[in-house]
Amino acid sequence: MTRILVAYASKHNSTAEIARAVGAALCETDGLQVDIRSVETVSDIAPYDAVVLGSAVYAGKWQDTAADFLRRYERELAQRPTWIFSSGPTGEGDPKALMHGWVLPEPLRPIAARIKPRDIAVFSGKLDPADLTLFQRVLVKVVNASAFRLGDYRDWSMIRGWARGIAQALQQQPAHA
């Protein structure tokens, strides 16, 4: 049995929903046991053979709790298969294109380079005006950027496909010792 941790940091629950979809897709594969947890609730990753870590992105930054998780567990993550995802851009089109090739905040790139994640994905997110402060709603209108539109732009088939790729990769290698 391969144990996988899907850890996430979510501001308005959109990234949590993506993490749950990733976890559900992984659970469809025999031999994979999955725990889906907010990074704030994780105190040890030693029991896990692989880790999927995701964070909501605002203004090009990960949630502080996700960045702290990446820093705190850098050494352990480098010793097991790790996948990373960000969720944030809202708008029509490829999320990486909407983010102009951005895949990870600059301060976290050296850490990721040392961890050597199997993949770093960017998924479109959801921007619900009901979740935003008045200032944030005004900012969205003022910025009016193609990567920040109100609505739910998450591509569930892309997310599930990415997770199935993780499951396939884990089935093709021996579990972490």
N, C-alpha and C. Protein backbone atom coordinates (compact mmCIF):
# COMPACT_ATOMS: atom_id res chain seq x y z
N MET A 1 0.84 -1.18 0.00
CA MET A 1 0.00 0.00 0.00
C MET A 1 0.89 1.25 0.00
N THR A 2 0.65 2.14 -0.92
CA THR A 2 1.38 3.39 -1.00
C THR A 2 0.54 4.49 -0.37
N ARG A 3 1.10 5.16 0.63
CA ARG A 3 0.39 6.24 1.32
C ARG A 3 0.77 7.57 0.68
N ILE A 4 -0.26 8.34 0.34
CA ILE A 4 -0.06 9.64 -0.30
C ILE A 4 -0.72 10.72 0.54
N LEU A 5 0.01 11.80 0.75
CA LEU A 5 -0.55 12.98 1.39
C LEU A 5 -0.86 14.01 0.31
N VAL A 6 -2.10 14.46 0.27
CA VAL A 6 -2.48 15.60 -0.56
C VAL A 6 -2.71 16.73 0.42
N ALA A 7 -1.76 17.67 0.47
CA ALA A 7 -1.82 18.80 1.40
C ALA A 7 -2.08 20.07 0.62
N TYR A 8 -2.83 20.97 1.21
CA TYR A 8 -3.22 22.18 0.48
C TYR A 8 -3.37 23.37 1.42
N ALA A 9 -3.25 24.55 0.84
CA ALA A 9 -3.58 25.81 1.51
C ALA A 9 -4.59 26.52 0.63
N SER A 10 -5.72 26.84 1.21
CA SER A 10 -6.82 27.41 0.45
C SER A 10 -7.38 28.61 1.19
N LYS A 11 -7.61 29.68 0.47
CA LYS A 11 -8.15 30.89 1.10
C LYS A 11 -9.67 30.90 1.11
N HIS A 12 -10.28 30.53 -0.03
CA HIS A 12 -11.74 30.57 -0.16
C HIS A 12 -12.32 29.22 -0.54
N ASN A 13 -11.62 28.13 -0.25
CA ASN A 13 -12.07 26.75 -0.45
C ASN A 13 -11.90 26.21 -1.87
N SER A 14 -11.57 27.02 -2.85
CA SER A 14 -11.41 26.55 -4.22
C SER A 14 -10.26 25.56 -4.34
N THR A 15 -9.12 25.88 -3.74
CA THR A 15 -7.96 24.99 -3.78
C THR A 15 -8.23 23.73 -2.97
N ALA A 16 -8.97 23.86 -1.88
CA ALA A 16 -9.35 22.67 -1.10
C ALA A 16 -10.18 21.73 -1.95
N GLU A 17 -11.09 22.28 -2.75
CA GLU A 17 -11.91 21.45 -3.63
C GLU A 17 -11.06 20.78 -4.70
N ILE A 18 -10.06 21.47 -5.21
CA ILE A 18 -9.13 20.86 -6.18
C ILE A 18 -8.36 19.73 -5.51
N ALA A 19 -7.88 19.96 -4.29
CA ALA A 19 -7.14 18.92 -3.57
C ALA A 19 -8.01 17.69 -3.34
N ARG A 20 -9.28 17.91 -3.01
CA ARG A 20 -10.19 16.77 -2.81
C ARG A 20 -10.41 16.02 -4.12
N ALA A 21 -10.49 16.74 -5.23
CA ALA A 21 -10.65 16.06 -6.54
C ALA A 21 -9.41 15.25 -6.88
N VAL A 22 -8.23 15.80 -6.60
CA VAL A 22 -6.98 15.06 -6.83
C VAL A 22 -6.97 13.80 -5.96
N GLY A 23 -7.30 13.97 -4.69
CA GLY A 23 -7.33 12.83 -3.78
C GLY A 23 -8.33 11.77 -4.21
N ALA A 24 -9.51 12.19 -4.64
CA ALA A 24 -10.53 11.24 -5.09
C ALA A 24 -10.06 10.47 -6.31
N ALA A 25 -9.41 11.15 -7.24
CA ALA A 25 -8.89 10.46 -8.43
C ALA A 25 -7.79 9.48 -8.05
N LEU A 26 -6.94 9.84 -7.11
CA LEU A 26 -5.89 8.92 -6.66
C LEU A 26 -6.49 7.70 -5.97
N CYS A 27 -7.57 7.90 -5.23
CA CYS A 27 -8.22 6.79 -4.51
C CYS A 27 -8.81 5.75 -5.45
N GLU A 28 -9.03 6.11 -6.71
CA GLU A 28 -9.59 5.18 -7.68
C GLU A 28 -8.59 4.10 -8.08
N THR A 29 -7.33 4.28 -7.72
CA THR A 29 -6.28 3.34 -8.09
C THR A 29 -6.02 2.38 -6.93
N ASP A 30 -6.09 1.08 -7.21
CA ASP A 30 -5.80 0.07 -6.19
C ASP A 30 -4.39 0.26 -5.67
N GLY A 31 -4.24 0.08 -4.38
CA GLY A 31 -2.92 0.14 -3.76
C GLY A 31 -2.50 1.52 -3.31
N LEU A 32 -3.36 2.52 -3.51
CA LEU A 32 -3.04 3.87 -3.05
C LEU A 32 -3.97 4.25 -1.91
N GLN A 33 -3.37 4.67 -0.81
CA GLN A 33 -4.14 5.16 0.34
C GLN A 33 -3.86 6.66 0.42
N VAL A 34 -4.90 7.47 0.46
CA VAL A 34 -4.75 8.92 0.35
C VAL A 34 -5.32 9.64 1.56
N ASP A 35 -4.54 10.56 2.10
CA ASP A 35 -5.02 11.49 3.12
C ASP A 35 -5.02 12.89 2.50
N ILE A 36 -6.13 13.59 2.62
CA ILE A 36 -6.27 14.94 2.10
C ILE A 36 -6.38 15.86 3.31
N ARG A 37 -5.40 16.76 3.44
CA ARG A 37 -5.35 17.58 4.66
C ARG A 37 -4.88 18.99 4.36
N SER A 38 -5.42 19.92 5.10
CA SER A 38 -4.91 21.29 5.06
C SER A 38 -3.50 21.29 5.62
N VAL A 39 -2.60 22.08 5.05
CA VAL A 39 -1.21 22.10 5.52
C VAL A 39 -1.12 22.43 7.00
N GLU A 40 -2.06 23.21 7.50
CA GLU A 40 -2.03 23.60 8.91
C GLU A 40 -2.20 22.41 9.84
N THR A 41 -2.79 21.32 9.34
CA THR A 41 -3.05 20.15 10.19
C THR A 41 -1.99 19.07 10.07
N VAL A 42 -0.98 19.30 9.23
CA VAL A 42 0.07 18.30 9.02
C VAL A 42 1.25 18.60 9.94
N SER A 43 1.61 17.61 10.76
CA SER A 43 2.74 17.79 11.67
C SER A 43 3.90 16.85 11.36
N ASP A 44 3.68 15.92 10.42
CA ASP A 44 4.72 14.96 10.08
C ASP A 44 4.39 14.34 8.71
N ILE A 45 5.38 14.28 7.83
CA ILE A 45 5.13 13.63 6.54
C ILE A 45 5.85 12.28 6.44
N ALA A 46 6.52 11.87 7.51
CA ALA A 46 7.25 10.60 7.50
C ALA A 46 6.38 9.40 7.13
N PRO A 47 5.11 9.34 7.53
CA PRO A 47 4.30 8.16 7.18
C PRO A 47 3.94 8.05 5.69
N TYR A 48 4.24 9.09 4.92
CA TYR A 48 3.79 9.11 3.53
C TYR A 48 4.90 8.75 2.56
N ASP A 49 4.49 8.00 1.53
CA ASP A 49 5.42 7.58 0.49
C ASP A 49 5.54 8.62 -0.62
N ALA A 50 4.52 9.46 -0.75
CA ALA A 50 4.50 10.50 -1.78
C ALA A 50 3.66 11.67 -1.27
N VAL A 51 3.92 12.85 -1.82
CA VAL A 51 3.20 14.05 -1.39
C VAL A 51 2.77 14.86 -2.61
N VAL A 52 1.55 15.34 -2.55
CA VAL A 52 1.03 16.32 -3.50
C VAL A 52 0.74 17.56 -2.68
N LEU A 53 1.32 18.69 -3.07
CA LEU A 53 1.16 19.94 -2.33
C LEU A 53 0.59 21.01 -3.24
N GLY A 54 -0.47 21.66 -2.77
CA GLY A 54 -1.08 22.71 -3.57
C GLY A 54 -1.37 23.96 -2.76
N SER A 55 -1.38 25.07 -3.46
CA SER A 55 -1.68 26.35 -2.81
C SER A 55 -2.50 27.24 -3.72
N ALA A 56 -3.36 28.01 -3.10
CA ALA A 56 -4.02 29.10 -3.81
C ALA A 56 -2.97 30.17 -4.06
N VAL A 57 -3.16 30.90 -5.15
CA VAL A 57 -2.22 31.96 -5.53
C VAL A 57 -2.98 33.28 -5.60
N TYR A 58 -2.43 34.28 -4.95
CA TYR A 58 -2.96 35.63 -5.01
C TYR A 58 -1.81 36.58 -5.26
N ALA A 59 -1.94 37.38 -6.28
CA ALA A 59 -0.91 38.36 -6.65
C ALA A 59 0.45 37.69 -6.81
N GLY A 60 0.46 36.49 -7.39
CA GLY A 60 1.71 35.79 -7.66
C GLY A 60 2.35 35.15 -6.45
N LYS A 61 1.64 35.11 -5.33
CA LYS A 61 2.20 34.52 -4.11
C LYS A 61 1.36 33.35 -3.65
N TRP A 62 2.05 32.34 -3.13
CA TRP A 62 1.38 31.22 -2.48
C TRP A 62 0.86 31.68 -1.13
N GLN A 63 -0.07 30.92 -0.57
CA GLN A 63 -0.49 31.15 0.80
C GLN A 63 0.72 30.91 1.70
N ASP A 64 0.87 31.74 2.71
CA ASP A 64 2.03 31.63 3.61
C ASP A 64 2.15 30.24 4.22
N THR A 65 1.02 29.62 4.56
CA THR A 65 1.09 28.30 5.19
C THR A 65 1.64 27.24 4.25
N ALA A 66 1.34 27.35 2.96
CA ALA A 66 1.89 26.40 1.98
C ALA A 66 3.37 26.64 1.76
N ALA A 67 3.77 27.91 1.67
CA ALA A 67 5.20 28.22 1.51
C ALA A 67 5.98 27.74 2.73
N ASP A 68 5.42 27.93 3.92
CA ASP A 68 6.07 27.45 5.15
C ASP A 68 6.19 25.92 5.14
N PHE A 69 5.15 25.23 4.68
CA PHE A 69 5.17 23.77 4.58
C PHE A 69 6.30 23.32 3.66
N LEU A 70 6.41 23.97 2.51
CA LEU A 70 7.46 23.62 1.54
C LEU A 70 8.84 23.80 2.16
N ARG A 71 9.03 24.90 2.86
CA ARG A 71 10.33 25.16 3.52
C ARG A 71 10.58 24.15 4.65
N ARG A 72 9.58 23.94 5.49
CA ARG A 72 9.75 23.09 6.68
C ARG A 72 10.07 21.64 6.29
N TYR A 73 9.43 21.14 5.22
CA TYR A 73 9.60 19.74 4.85
C TYR A 73 10.48 19.55 3.61
N GLU A 74 11.27 20.55 3.27
CA GLU A 74 12.10 20.47 2.05
C GLU A 74 12.91 19.18 1.99
N ARG A 75 13.61 18.87 3.03
CA ARG A 75 14.49 17.70 3.04
C ARG A 75 13.69 16.41 2.84
N GLU A 76 12.56 16.28 3.54
CA GLU A 76 11.75 15.08 3.42
C GLU A 76 11.08 14.98 2.05
N LEU A 77 10.65 16.11 1.52
CA LEU A 77 10.02 16.11 0.19
C LEU A 77 11.01 15.70 -0.90
N ALA A 78 12.26 16.07 -0.71
CA ALA A 78 13.29 15.71 -1.69
C ALA A 78 13.56 14.20 -1.69
N GLN A 79 13.13 13.50 -0.66
CA GLN A 79 13.38 12.07 -0.54
C GLN A 79 12.21 11.20 -0.98
N ARG A 80 11.16 11.81 -1.46
CA ARG A 80 9.98 11.04 -1.90
C ARG A 80 9.37 11.71 -3.12
N PRO A 81 8.64 10.96 -3.92
CA PRO A 81 7.97 11.58 -5.07
C PRO A 81 7.04 12.70 -4.60
N THR A 82 7.20 13.85 -5.21
CA THR A 82 6.42 15.03 -4.84
C THR A 82 5.88 15.69 -6.09
N TRP A 83 4.64 16.14 -6.00
CA TRP A 83 4.01 16.90 -7.06
C TRP A 83 3.49 18.19 -6.43
N ILE A 84 3.53 19.26 -7.20
CA ILE A 84 3.12 20.58 -6.70
C ILE A 84 2.10 21.17 -7.66
N PHE A 85 1.10 21.83 -7.09
CA PHE A 85 0.17 22.57 -7.94
C PHE A 85 -0.19 23.91 -7.31
N SER A 86 -0.51 24.83 -8.18
CA SER A 86 -1.01 26.14 -7.78
C SER A 86 -2.36 26.33 -8.44
N SER A 87 -3.25 27.03 -7.75
CA SER A 87 -4.53 27.38 -8.38
C SER A 87 -4.74 28.87 -8.22
N GLY A 88 -5.15 29.48 -9.30
CA GLY A 88 -5.32 30.91 -9.17
C GLY A 88 -5.91 31.62 -10.35
N PRO A 89 -5.34 31.47 -11.54
CA PRO A 89 -5.84 32.31 -12.62
C PRO A 89 -7.30 31.98 -12.91
N THR A 90 -8.06 33.01 -13.17
CA THR A 90 -9.45 32.82 -13.55
C THR A 90 -9.65 33.53 -14.88
N GLY A 91 -10.09 32.80 -15.83
CA GLY A 91 -10.29 33.32 -17.17
C GLY A 91 -10.24 32.18 -18.16
N GLU A 92 -10.65 32.45 -19.36
CA GLU A 92 -10.66 31.42 -20.41
C GLU A 92 -9.24 31.17 -20.91
N GLY A 93 -8.90 29.91 -21.14
CA GLY A 93 -7.62 29.57 -21.73
C GLY A 93 -6.72 28.78 -20.81
N ASP A 94 -5.54 28.48 -21.32
CA ASP A 94 -4.54 27.71 -20.59
C ASP A 94 -4.07 28.51 -19.37
N PRO A 95 -4.13 27.91 -18.16
CA PRO A 95 -3.76 28.66 -16.96
C PRO A 95 -2.31 29.15 -16.97
N LYS A 96 -1.38 28.34 -17.51
CA LYS A 96 0.02 28.80 -17.56
C LYS A 96 0.16 29.98 -18.52
N ALA A 97 -0.57 29.95 -19.61
CA ALA A 97 -0.54 31.08 -20.55
C ALA A 97 -1.13 32.32 -19.90
N LEU A 98 -2.24 32.15 -19.17
CA LEU A 98 -2.84 33.28 -18.47
C LEU A 98 -1.87 33.90 -17.47
N MET A 99 -1.01 33.05 -16.91
CA MET A 99 -0.02 33.52 -15.93
C MET A 99 1.32 33.85 -16.59
N HIS A 100 1.33 33.91 -17.91
CA HIS A 100 2.55 34.27 -18.68
C HIS A 100 3.73 33.37 -18.34
N GLY A 101 3.44 32.05 -18.22
CA GLY A 101 4.49 31.08 -17.96
C GLY A 101 4.82 30.88 -16.49
N TRP A 102 4.23 31.64 -15.62
CA TRP A 102 4.47 31.53 -14.18
C TRP A 102 3.98 30.17 -13.70
N VAL A 103 4.83 29.47 -12.92
CA VAL A 103 4.39 28.20 -12.33
C VAL A 103 4.59 28.14 -10.82
N LEU A 104 5.43 29.02 -10.29
CA LEU A 104 5.73 29.00 -8.86
C LEU A 104 6.31 30.35 -8.47
N PRO A 105 5.99 30.84 -7.26
CA PRO A 105 6.57 32.12 -6.82
C PRO A 105 8.09 32.07 -6.82
N GLU A 106 8.71 33.14 -7.25
CA GLU A 106 10.17 33.23 -7.35
C GLU A 106 10.91 32.78 -6.09
N PRO A 107 10.49 33.21 -4.88
CA PRO A 107 11.24 32.79 -3.68
C PRO A 107 11.19 31.29 -3.42
N LEU A 108 10.20 30.59 -3.97
CA LEU A 108 10.08 29.15 -3.74
C LEU A 108 10.77 28.31 -4.80
N ARG A 109 11.19 28.92 -5.89
CA ARG A 109 11.80 28.16 -6.99
C ARG A 109 13.09 27.45 -6.58
N PRO A 110 13.99 28.07 -5.81
CA PRO A 110 15.20 27.32 -5.40
C PRO A 110 14.87 26.10 -4.53
N ILE A 111 13.86 26.23 -3.68
CA ILE A 111 13.45 25.09 -2.85
C ILE A 111 12.90 23.98 -3.74
N ALA A 112 12.04 24.35 -4.68
CA ALA A 112 11.49 23.36 -5.60
C ALA A 112 12.60 22.70 -6.42
N ALA A 113 13.60 23.46 -6.81
CA ALA A 113 14.72 22.89 -7.58
C ALA A 113 15.45 21.83 -6.76
N ARG A 114 15.55 22.04 -5.46
CA ARG A 114 16.22 21.04 -4.61
C ARG A 114 15.31 19.83 -4.35
N ILE A 115 14.02 20.05 -4.28
CA ILE A 115 13.07 18.95 -4.06
C ILE A 115 12.94 18.10 -5.32
N LYS A 116 13.02 18.75 -6.48
CA LYS A 116 12.85 18.08 -7.77
C LYS A 116 11.48 17.42 -7.89
N PRO A 117 10.41 18.22 -7.81
CA PRO A 117 9.08 17.63 -7.95
C PRO A 117 8.91 16.96 -9.31
N ARG A 118 8.08 15.93 -9.34
CA ARG A 118 7.81 15.22 -10.59
C ARG A 118 7.10 16.12 -11.59
N ASP A 119 6.28 17.05 -11.07
CA ASP A 119 5.58 17.99 -11.94
C ASP A 119 5.13 19.17 -11.10
N ILE A 120 5.02 20.31 -11.75
CA ILE A 120 4.44 21.51 -11.14
C ILE A 120 3.33 21.96 -12.08
N ALA A 121 2.11 21.88 -11.59
CA ALA A 121 0.94 22.23 -12.40
C ALA A 121 0.34 23.55 -11.94
N VAL A 122 -0.29 24.23 -12.87
CA VAL A 122 -1.07 25.42 -12.56
C VAL A 122 -2.48 25.16 -13.06
N PHE A 123 -3.45 25.27 -12.15
CA PHE A 123 -4.84 25.07 -12.50
C PHE A 123 -5.58 26.39 -12.37
N SER A 124 -6.54 26.58 -13.25
CA SER A 124 -7.41 27.74 -13.11
C SER A 124 -8.22 27.59 -11.84
N GLY A 125 -8.62 28.71 -11.30
CA GLY A 125 -9.34 28.71 -10.05
C GLY A 125 -10.74 29.28 -10.17
N LYS A 126 -11.23 29.71 -9.04
CA LYS A 126 -12.56 30.26 -8.95
C LYS A 126 -12.46 31.60 -8.21
N LEU A 127 -13.13 32.59 -8.75
CA LEU A 127 -13.16 33.91 -8.12
C LEU A 127 -14.62 34.29 -7.96
N ASP A 128 -15.12 34.09 -6.76
CA ASP A 128 -16.53 34.35 -6.44
C ASP A 128 -16.62 35.68 -5.72
N PRO A 129 -17.39 36.63 -6.25
CA PRO A 129 -17.48 37.94 -5.61
C PRO A 129 -17.97 37.86 -4.17
N ALA A 130 -18.74 36.83 -3.84
CA ALA A 130 -19.23 36.68 -2.47
C ALA A 130 -18.09 36.39 -1.49
N ASP A 131 -16.97 35.87 -2.00
CA ASP A 131 -15.82 35.55 -1.15
C ASP A 131 -14.86 36.72 -0.99
N LEU A 132 -15.06 37.77 -1.76
CA LEU A 132 -14.10 38.87 -1.81
C LEU A 132 -14.53 40.03 -0.91
N THR A 133 -13.53 40.72 -0.38
CA THR A 133 -13.80 41.96 0.34
C THR A 133 -14.16 43.04 -0.68
N LEU A 134 -14.69 44.13 -0.21
CA LEU A 134 -15.02 45.24 -1.10
C LEU A 134 -13.77 45.71 -1.84
N PHE A 135 -12.65 45.81 -1.12
CA PHE A 135 -11.39 46.23 -1.75
C PHE A 135 -10.98 45.25 -2.86
N GLN A 136 -11.10 43.95 -2.59
CA GLN A 136 -10.72 42.95 -3.59
C GLN A 136 -11.63 43.02 -4.82
N ARG A 137 -12.94 43.24 -4.61
CA ARG A 137 -13.85 43.36 -5.75
C ARG A 137 -13.50 44.57 -6.60
N VAL A 138 -13.18 45.68 -5.96
CA VAL A 138 -12.78 46.89 -6.70
C VAL A 138 -11.48 46.63 -7.45
N LEU A 139 -10.54 45.96 -6.79
CA LEU A 139 -9.25 45.66 -7.42
C LEU A 139 -9.44 44.81 -8.67
N VAL A 140 -10.30 43.80 -8.60
CA VAL A 140 -10.56 42.95 -9.76
C VAL A 140 -11.10 43.78 -10.91
N LYS A 141 -12.01 44.71 -10.61
CA LYS A 141 -12.58 45.55 -11.67
C LYS A 141 -11.54 46.50 -12.24
N VAL A 142 -10.69 47.06 -11.37
CA VAL A 142 -9.68 48.01 -11.82
C VAL A 142 -8.60 47.32 -12.65
N VAL A 143 -8.12 46.17 -12.16
CA VAL A 143 -7.06 45.44 -12.87
C VAL A 143 -7.58 44.93 -14.20
N ASN A 144 -8.77 44.31 -14.19
CA ASN A 144 -9.41 43.83 -15.41
C ASN A 144 -8.45 43.02 -16.29
N ALA A 145 -7.61 42.22 -15.66
CA ALA A 145 -6.62 41.40 -16.39
C ALA A 145 -7.27 40.11 -16.87
N SER A 146 -6.74 39.55 -17.95
CA SER A 146 -7.31 38.32 -18.51
C SER A 146 -7.17 37.13 -17.57
N ALA A 147 -6.25 37.17 -16.63
CA ALA A 147 -6.04 36.05 -15.71
C ALA A 147 -6.92 36.16 -14.46
N PHE A 148 -7.70 37.24 -14.34
CA PHE A 148 -8.49 37.46 -13.13
C PHE A 148 -9.90 37.91 -13.48
N ARG A 149 -10.73 36.94 -13.77
CA ARG A 149 -12.13 37.18 -14.10
C ARG A 149 -13.00 36.51 -13.03
N LEU A 150 -14.12 37.12 -12.74
CA LEU A 150 -15.05 36.51 -11.81
C LEU A 150 -15.64 35.26 -12.45
N GLY A 151 -15.78 34.21 -11.65
CA GLY A 151 -16.37 32.97 -12.12
C GLY A 151 -15.54 31.77 -11.72
N ASP A 152 -16.04 30.60 -12.07
CA ASP A 152 -15.36 29.34 -11.76
C ASP A 152 -14.79 28.79 -13.06
N TYR A 153 -13.46 28.76 -13.16
CA TYR A 153 -12.77 28.34 -14.37
C TYR A 153 -12.00 27.04 -14.19
N ARG A 154 -12.26 26.36 -13.08
CA ARG A 154 -11.53 25.12 -12.83
C ARG A 154 -11.91 24.07 -13.88
N ASP A 155 -10.91 23.40 -14.41
CA ASP A 155 -11.10 22.37 -15.43
C ASP A 155 -10.94 21.02 -14.73
N TRP A 156 -12.08 20.46 -14.34
CA TRP A 156 -12.06 19.23 -13.54
C TRP A 156 -11.47 18.06 -14.30
N SER A 157 -11.67 17.98 -15.61
CA SER A 157 -11.08 16.87 -16.36
C SER A 157 -9.56 17.00 -16.40
N MET A 158 -9.04 18.22 -16.50
CA MET A 158 -7.59 18.43 -16.46
C MET A 158 -7.04 18.03 -15.09
N ILE A 159 -7.73 18.42 -14.04
CA ILE A 159 -7.30 18.12 -12.67
C ILE A 159 -7.28 16.61 -12.44
N ARG A 160 -8.37 15.95 -12.81
CA ARG A 160 -8.43 14.48 -12.63
C ARG A 160 -7.39 13.77 -13.50
N GLY A 161 -7.17 14.27 -14.71
CA GLY A 161 -6.15 13.67 -15.58
C GLY A 161 -4.76 13.79 -14.99
N TRP A 162 -4.47 14.96 -14.39
CA TRP A 162 -3.18 15.16 -13.73
C TRP A 162 -3.02 14.16 -12.58
N ALA A 163 -4.08 13.99 -11.80
CA ALA A 163 -4.04 13.05 -10.67
C ALA A 163 -3.86 11.61 -11.15
N ARG A 164 -4.52 11.25 -12.25
CA ARG A 164 -4.35 9.90 -12.79
C ARG A 164 -2.91 9.67 -13.25
N GLY A 165 -2.27 10.71 -13.76
CA GLY A 165 -0.86 10.62 -14.12
C GLY A 165 0.02 10.37 -12.91
N ILE A 166 -0.33 10.98 -11.79
CA ILE A 166 0.40 10.74 -10.54
C ILE A 166 0.22 9.28 -10.13
N ALA A 167 -1.02 8.80 -10.17
CA ALA A 167 -1.29 7.41 -9.78
C ALA A 167 -0.50 6.44 -10.66
N GLN A 168 -0.48 6.71 -11.95
CA GLN A 168 0.25 5.84 -12.88
C GLN A 168 1.75 5.85 -12.55
N ALA A 169 2.30 7.02 -12.28
CA ALA A 169 3.72 7.11 -11.95
C ALA A 169 4.04 6.34 -10.66
N LEU A 170 3.14 6.42 -9.69
CA LEU A 170 3.38 5.72 -8.43
C LEU A 170 3.26 4.22 -8.58
N GLN A 171 2.42 3.76 -9.48
CA GLN A 171 2.29 2.32 -9.71
C GLN A 171 3.53 1.74 -10.41
N GLN A 172 4.26 2.59 -11.10
CA GLN A 172 5.40 2.12 -11.87
C GLN A 172 6.71 2.16 -11.09
N GLN A 173 6.65 2.51 -9.81
CA GLN A 173 7.88 2.56 -9.03
C GLN A 173 7.65 1.94 -7.66
N PRO A 174 8.71 1.48 -7.03
CA PRO A 174 8.56 0.94 -5.69
C PRO A 174 8.24 2.05 -4.71
N ALA A 175 7.53 1.70 -3.64
CA ALA A 175 7.16 2.67 -2.61
C ALA A 175 8.40 3.19 -1.90
N HIS A 176 8.27 4.38 -1.33
CA HIS A 176 9.32 5.03 -0.53
C HIS A 176 9.62 4.16 0.68
N ALA A 177 10.89 4.00 0.99
CA ALA A 177 11.25 3.16 2.14
C ALA A 177 11.38 4.00 3.39
